[in-house]
Amino acid sequence: MLECLEDINRRFNVTIVIVTHEMSVIRRLCRRAALLDQGRLLEVACVENRQIHAETAIGRELVSEEL
């Protein structure tokens, strides 16, 4: 499934919105990640080289949960 989404993004240069709790999926597919806590937007973090660069303390905690 992830390969299919990567292929669609590469071929058609489209934006794909993914809702997931799986940080590995975000690291693999995304350039930006909207981090939410209890339904509230904390920040929009950049994803570079499969690293999510969160700036807020709660954002860093959310990102580190699956490392």
PDB file of N, CA and C in Angstrom:
ATOM      1  N   MET A   1       0.814  -1.191   0.000  1.00  0.00           N
ATOM      2  CA  MET A   1       0.000   0.000   0.000  1.00  0.00           C
ATOM      3  C   MET A   1       0.867   1.268   0.000  1.00  0.00           C
ATOM      4  N   LEU A   2       1.922   1.278   0.825  1.00  0.00           N
ATOM      5  CA  LEU A   2       2.782   2.460   0.880  1.00  0.00           C
ATOM      6  C   LEU A   2       3.486   2.695  -0.452  1.00  0.00           C
ATOM      7  N   GLU A   3       3.903   1.604  -1.088  1.00  0.00           N
ATOM      8  CA  GLU A   3       4.547   1.736  -2.395  1.00  0.00           C
ATOM      9  C   GLU A   3       3.595   2.365  -3.405  1.00  0.00           C
ATOM     10  N   CYS A   4       2.335   1.979  -3.344  1.00  0.00           N
ATOM     11  CA  CYS A   4       1.313   2.518  -4.245  1.00  0.00           C
ATOM     12  C   CYS A   4       1.153   4.026  -4.035  1.00  0.00           C
ATOM     13  N   LEU A   5       1.087   4.455  -2.782  1.00  0.00           N
ATOM     14  CA  LEU A   5       0.958   5.890  -2.493  1.00  0.00           C
ATOM     15  C   LEU A   5       2.192   6.662  -2.952  1.00  0.00           C
ATOM     16  N   GLU A   6       3.376   6.097  -2.734  1.00  0.00           N
ATOM     17  CA  GLU A   6       4.603   6.741  -3.210  1.00  0.00           C
ATOM     18  C   GLU A   6       4.593   6.876  -4.728  1.00  0.00           C
ATOM     19  N   ASP A   7       4.156   5.833  -5.415  1.00  0.00           N
ATOM     20  CA  ASP A   7       4.099   5.845  -6.872  1.00  0.00           C
ATOM     21  C   ASP A   7       3.120   6.899  -7.381  1.00  0.00           C
ATOM     22  N   ILE A   8       1.947   6.978  -6.780  1.00  0.00           N
ATOM     23  CA  ILE A   8       0.952   7.986  -7.178  1.00  0.00           C
ATOM     24  C   ILE A   8       1.514   9.387  -6.986  1.00  0.00           C
ATOM     25  N   ASN A   9       2.143   9.614  -5.846  1.00  0.00           N
ATOM     26  CA  ASN A   9       2.717  10.927  -5.563  1.00  0.00           C
ATOM     27  C   ASN A   9       3.807  11.278  -6.571  1.00  0.00           C
ATOM     28  N   ARG A  10       4.661  10.326  -6.886  1.00  0.00           N
ATOM     29  CA  ARG A  10       5.759  10.553  -7.819  1.00  0.00           C
ATOM     30  C   ARG A  10       5.242  10.807  -9.241  1.00  0.00           C
ATOM     31  N   ARG A  11       4.295   9.984  -9.686  1.00  0.00           N
ATOM     32  CA  ARG A  11       3.791  10.090 -11.060  1.00  0.00           C
ATOM     33  C   ARG A  11       2.975  11.349 -11.315  1.00  0.00           C
ATOM     34  N   PHE A  12       2.101  11.674 -10.372  1.00  0.00           N
ATOM     35  CA  PHE A  12       1.140  12.745 -10.609  1.00  0.00           C
ATOM     36  C   PHE A  12       1.426  14.019  -9.827  1.00  0.00           C
ATOM     37  N   ASN A  13       2.449  13.985  -8.967  1.00  0.00           N
ATOM     38  CA  ASN A  13       2.831  15.152  -8.173  1.00  0.00           C
ATOM     39  C   ASN A  13       1.621  15.755  -7.452  1.00  0.00           C
ATOM     40  N   VAL A  14       0.891  14.904  -6.749  1.00  0.00           N
ATOM     41  CA  VAL A  14      -0.309  15.336  -6.035  1.00  0.00           C
ATOM     42  C   VAL A  14      -0.052  15.334  -4.529  1.00  0.00           C
ATOM     43  N   THR A  15      -0.871  16.083  -3.835  1.00  0.00           N
ATOM     44  CA  THR A  15      -0.836  16.075  -2.377  1.00  0.00           C
ATOM     45  C   THR A  15      -1.722  14.946  -1.881  1.00  0.00           C
ATOM     46  N   ILE A  16      -1.210  14.183  -0.948  1.00  0.00           N
ATOM     47  CA  ILE A  16      -1.966  13.092  -0.348  1.00  0.00           C
ATOM     48  C   ILE A  16      -2.066  13.377   1.146  1.00  0.00           C
ATOM     49  N   VAL A  17      -3.279  13.344   1.667  1.00  0.00           N
ATOM     50  CA  VAL A  17      -3.495  13.545   3.098  1.00  0.00           C
ATOM     51  C   VAL A  17      -3.632  12.173   3.750  1.00  0.00           C
ATOM     52  N   ILE A  18      -2.797  11.921   4.737  1.00  0.00           N
ATOM     53  CA  ILE A  18      -2.795  10.641   5.434  1.00  0.00           C
ATOM     54  C   ILE A  18      -3.080  10.907   6.911  1.00  0.00           C
ATOM     55  N   VAL A  19      -4.040  10.197   7.459  1.00  0.00           N
ATOM     56  CA  VAL A  19      -4.344  10.300   8.889  1.00  0.00           C
ATOM     57  C   VAL A  19      -3.883   8.997   9.528  1.00  0.00           C
ATOM     58  N   THR A  20      -2.899   9.091  10.420  1.00  0.00           N
ATOM     59  CA  THR A  20      -2.329   7.884  11.020  1.00  0.00           C
ATOM     60  C   THR A  20      -1.694   8.190  12.372  1.00  0.00           C
ATOM     61  N   HIS A  21      -1.581   7.161  13.173  1.00  0.00           N
ATOM     62  CA  HIS A  21      -0.819   7.234  14.415  1.00  0.00           C
ATOM     63  C   HIS A  21       0.560   6.604  14.221  1.00  0.00           C
ATOM     64  N   GLU A  22       0.812   6.068  13.046  1.00  0.00           N
ATOM     65  CA  GLU A  22       2.055   5.358  12.759  1.00  0.00           C
ATOM     66  C   GLU A  22       3.133   6.328  12.281  1.00  0.00           C
ATOM     67  N   MET A  23       4.071   6.628  13.159  1.00  0.00           N
ATOM     68  CA  MET A  23       5.138   7.566  12.808  1.00  0.00           C
ATOM     69  C   MET A  23       5.995   7.035  11.663  1.00  0.00           C
ATOM     70  N   SER A  24       6.123   5.714  11.541  1.00  0.00           N
ATOM     71  CA  SER A  24       6.919   5.143  10.453  1.00  0.00           C
ATOM     72  C   SER A  24       6.312   5.480   9.092  1.00  0.00           C
ATOM     73  N   VAL A  25       4.996   5.537   9.010  1.00  0.00           N
ATOM     74  CA  VAL A  25       4.323   5.909   7.758  1.00  0.00           C
ATOM     75  C   VAL A  25       4.593   7.377   7.452  1.00  0.00           C
ATOM     76  N   ILE A  26       4.499   8.217   8.466  1.00  0.00           N
ATOM     77  CA  ILE A  26       4.770   9.646   8.282  1.00  0.00           C
ATOM     78  C   ILE A  26       6.205   9.853   7.823  1.00  0.00           C
ATOM     79  N   ARG A  27       7.141   9.172   8.480  1.00  0.00           N
ATOM     80  CA  ARG A  27       8.559   9.318   8.108  1.00  0.00           C
ATOM     81  C   ARG A  27       8.806   8.896   6.658  1.00  0.00           C
ATOM     82  N   ARG A  28       8.095   7.884   6.212  1.00  0.00           N
ATOM     83  CA  ARG A  28       8.320   7.352   4.866  1.00  0.00           C
ATOM     84  C   ARG A  28       7.664   8.191   3.774  1.00  0.00           C
ATOM     85  N   LEU A  29       6.455   8.698   4.012  1.00  0.00           N
ATOM     86  CA  LEU A  29       5.675   9.295   2.934  1.00  0.00           C
ATOM     87  C   LEU A  29       5.572  10.819   2.954  1.00  0.00           C
ATOM     88  N   CYS A  30       5.801  11.432   4.094  1.00  0.00           N
ATOM     89  CA  CYS A  30       5.429  12.844   4.231  1.00  0.00           C
ATOM     90  C   CYS A  30       6.616  13.798   4.186  1.00  0.00           C
ATOM     91  N   ARG A  31       6.326  15.012   3.741  1.00  0.00           N
ATOM     92  CA  ARG A  31       7.285  16.120   3.813  1.00  0.00           C
ATOM     93  C   ARG A  31       6.949  17.043   4.970  1.00  0.00           C
ATOM     94  N   ARG A  32       5.661  17.051   5.334  1.00  0.00           N
ATOM     95  CA  ARG A  32       5.181  17.838   6.479  1.00  0.00           C
ATOM     96  C   ARG A  32       4.197  16.980   7.262  1.00  0.00           C
ATOM     97  N   ALA A  33       4.157  17.224   8.568  1.00  0.00           N
ATOM     98  CA  ALA A  33       3.241  16.468   9.423  1.00  0.00           C
ATOM     99  C   ALA A  33       2.544  17.422  10.380  1.00  0.00           C
ATOM    100  N   ALA A  34       1.225  17.385  10.371  1.00  0.00           N
ATOM    101  CA  ALA A  34       0.448  18.156  11.342  1.00  0.00           C
ATOM    102  C   ALA A  34       0.338  17.292  12.593  1.00  0.00           C
ATOM    103  N   LEU A  35       0.881  17.783  13.696  1.00  0.00           N
ATOM    104  CA  LEU A  35       0.868  17.036  14.952  1.00  0.00           C
ATOM    105  C   LEU A  35      -0.276  17.538  15.816  1.00  0.00           C
ATOM    106  N   LEU A  36      -1.116  16.611  16.239  1.00  0.00           N
ATOM    107  CA  LEU A  36      -2.278  16.956  17.055  1.00  0.00           C
ATOM    108  C   LEU A  36      -2.170  16.297  18.423  1.00  0.00           C
ATOM    109  N   ASP A  37      -2.728  16.954  19.421  1.00  0.00           N
ATOM    110  CA  ASP A  37      -2.826  16.400  20.764  1.00  0.00           C
ATOM    111  C   ASP A  37      -4.247  16.621  21.246  1.00  0.00           C
ATOM    112  N   GLN A  38      -4.957  15.539  21.508  1.00  0.00           N
ATOM    113  CA  GLN A  38      -6.351  15.583  21.931  1.00  0.00           C
ATOM    114  C   GLN A  38      -7.206  16.398  20.959  1.00  0.00           C
ATOM    115  N   GLY A  39      -6.928  16.221  19.662  1.00  0.00           N
ATOM    116  CA  GLY A  39      -7.707  16.876  18.618  1.00  0.00           C
ATOM    117  C   GLY A  39      -7.319  18.309  18.320  1.00  0.00           C
ATOM    118  N   ARG A  40      -6.330  18.827  19.006  1.00  0.00           N
ATOM    119  CA  ARG A  40      -5.893  20.216  18.773  1.00  0.00           C
ATOM    120  C   ARG A  40      -4.563  20.231  18.026  1.00  0.00           C
ATOM    121  N   LEU A  41      -4.467  21.122  17.059  1.00  0.00           N
ATOM    122  CA  LEU A  41      -3.237  21.246  16.286  1.00  0.00           C
ATOM    123  C   LEU A  41      -2.138  21.835  17.160  1.00  0.00           C
ATOM    124  N   LEU A  42      -1.047  21.095  17.307  1.00  0.00           N
ATOM    125  CA  LEU A  42       0.108  21.582  18.055  1.00  0.00           C
ATOM    126  C   LEU A  42       1.041  22.369  17.158  1.00  0.00           C
ATOM    127  N   GLU A  43       1.356  21.771  16.001  1.00  0.00           N
ATOM    128  CA  GLU A  43       2.305  22.385  15.079  1.00  0.00           C
ATOM    129  C   GLU A  43       2.296  21.622  13.761  1.00  0.00           C
ATOM    130  N   VAL A  44       2.881  22.227  12.763  1.00  0.00           N
ATOM    131  CA  VAL A  44       3.137  21.548  11.500  1.00  0.00           C
ATOM    132  C   VAL A  44       4.649  21.380  11.423  1.00  0.00           C
ATOM    133  N   ALA A  45       5.088  20.143  11.465  1.00  0.00           N
ATOM    134  CA  ALA A  45       6.514  19.837  11.516  1.00  0.00           C
ATOM    135  C   ALA A  45       7.025  19.418  10.142  1.00  0.00           C
ATOM    136  N   CYS A  46       8.268  19.759   9.862  1.00  0.00           N
ATOM    137  CA  CYS A  46       8.926  19.318   8.628  1.00  0.00           C
ATOM    138  C   CYS A  46       9.437  17.894   8.815  1.00  0.00           C
ATOM    139  N   VAL A  47       9.410  17.136   7.731  1.00  0.00           N
ATOM    140  CA  VAL A  47       9.957  15.782   7.738  1.00  0.00           C
ATOM    141  C   VAL A  47      11.076  15.769   6.703  1.00  0.00           C
ATOM    142  N   GLU A  48      12.301  15.530   7.165  1.00  0.00           N
ATOM    143  CA  GLU A  48      13.462  15.489   6.277  1.00  0.00           C
ATOM    144  C   GLU A  48      14.297  14.266   6.607  1.00  0.00           C
ATOM    145  N   ASN A  49      14.713  13.545   5.587  1.00  0.00           N
ATOM    146  CA  ASN A  49      15.538  12.345   5.774  1.00  0.00           C
ATOM    147  C   ASN A  49      14.928  11.395   6.805  1.00  0.00           C
ATOM    148  N   ARG A  50      13.629  11.236   6.701  1.00  0.00           N
ATOM    149  CA  ARG A  50      12.858  10.338   7.582  1.00  0.00           C
ATOM    150  C   ARG A  50      12.920  10.742   9.050  1.00  0.00           C
ATOM    151  N   GLN A  51      13.214  12.009   9.313  1.00  0.00           N
ATOM    152  CA  GLN A  51      13.192  12.557  10.667  1.00  0.00           C
ATOM    153  C   GLN A  51      12.103  13.615  10.741  1.00  0.00           C
ATOM    154  N   ILE A  52      11.298  13.557  11.784  1.00  0.00           N
ATOM    155  CA  ILE A  52      10.249  14.549  11.997  1.00  0.00           C
ATOM    156  C   ILE A  52      10.803  15.590  12.951  1.00  0.00           C
ATOM    157  N   HIS A  53      10.870  16.841  12.506  1.00  0.00           N
ATOM    158  CA  HIS A  53      11.475  17.916  13.288  1.00  0.00           C
ATOM    159  C   HIS A  53      10.395  18.701  14.027  1.00  0.00           C
ATOM    160  N   ALA A  54       9.993  18.189  15.180  1.00  0.00           N
ATOM    161  CA  ALA A  54       8.986  18.860  16.003  1.00  0.00           C
ATOM    162  C   ALA A  54       9.666  19.925  16.857  1.00  0.00           C
ATOM    163  N   GLU A  55       8.985  21.054  17.042  1.00  0.00           N
ATOM    164  CA  GLU A  55       9.553  22.147  17.825  1.00  0.00           C
ATOM    165  C   GLU A  55       8.982  22.230  19.232  1.00  0.00           C
ATOM    166  N   THR A  56       7.747  21.789  19.423  1.00  0.00           N
ATOM    167  CA  THR A  56       7.138  21.873  20.749  1.00  0.00           C
ATOM    168  C   THR A  56       7.507  20.643  21.573  1.00  0.00           C
ATOM    169  N   ALA A  57       7.486  20.790  22.889  1.00  0.00           N
ATOM    170  CA  ALA A  57       7.819  19.668  23.778  1.00  0.00           C
ATOM    171  C   ALA A  57       6.853  18.504  23.580  1.00  0.00           C
ATOM    172  N   ILE A  58       5.573  18.800  23.491  1.00  0.00           N
ATOM    173  CA  ILE A  58       4.583  17.733  23.291  1.00  0.00           C
ATOM    174  C   ILE A  58       4.771  17.100  21.915  1.00  0.00           C
ATOM    175  N   GLY A  59       5.065  17.907  20.905  1.00  0.00           N
ATOM    176  CA  GLY A  59       5.315  17.379  19.567  1.00  0.00           C
ATOM    177  C   GLY A  59       6.498  16.430  19.552  1.00  0.00           C
ATOM    178  N   ARG A  60       7.596  16.813  20.227  1.00  0.00           N
ATOM    179  CA  ARG A  60       8.768  15.933  20.298  1.00  0.00           C
ATOM    180  C   ARG A  60       8.430  14.633  21.028  1.00  0.00           C
ATOM    181  N   GLU A  61       7.603  14.731  22.056  1.00  0.00           N
ATOM    182  CA  GLU A  61       7.190  13.531  22.792  1.00  0.00           C
ATOM    183  C   GLU A  61       6.368  12.602  21.895  1.00  0.00           C
ATOM    184  N   LEU A  62       5.434  13.160  21.140  1.00  0.00           N
ATOM    185  CA  LEU A  62       4.619  12.354  20.229  1.00  0.00           C
ATOM    186  C   LEU A  62       5.485  11.669  19.180  1.00  0.00           C
ATOM    187  N   VAL A  63       6.433  12.407  18.634  1.00  0.00           N
ATOM    188  CA  VAL A  63       7.300  11.882  17.577  1.00  0.00           C
ATOM    189  C   VAL A  63       8.216  10.790  18.119  1.00  0.00           C
ATOM    190  N   SER A  64       8.680  10.935  19.347  1.00  0.00           N
ATOM    191  CA  SER A  64       9.639   9.975  19.901  1.00  0.00           C
ATOM    192  C   SER A  64       8.982   8.687  20.386  1.00  0.00           C
ATOM    193  N   GLU A  65       7.675   8.641  20.481  1.00  0.00           N
ATOM    194  CA  GLU A  65       6.991   7.465  21.016  1.00  0.00           C
ATOM    195  C   GLU A  65       7.265   6.193  20.234  1.00  0.00           C
ATOM    196  N   GLU A  66       7.549   6.306  18.956  1.00  0.00           N
ATOM    197  CA  GLU A  66       7.719   5.103  18.135  1.00  0.00           C
ATOM    198  C   GLU A  66       9.164   4.866  17.724  1.00  0.00           C
ATOM    199  N   LEU A  67      10.086   5.630  18.241  1.00  0.00           N
ATOM    200  CA  LEU A  67      11.492   5.444  17.860  1.00  0.00           C
ATOM    201  C   LEU A  67      12.083   4.197  18.463  1.00  0.00           C
TER     202      LEU A  67
END
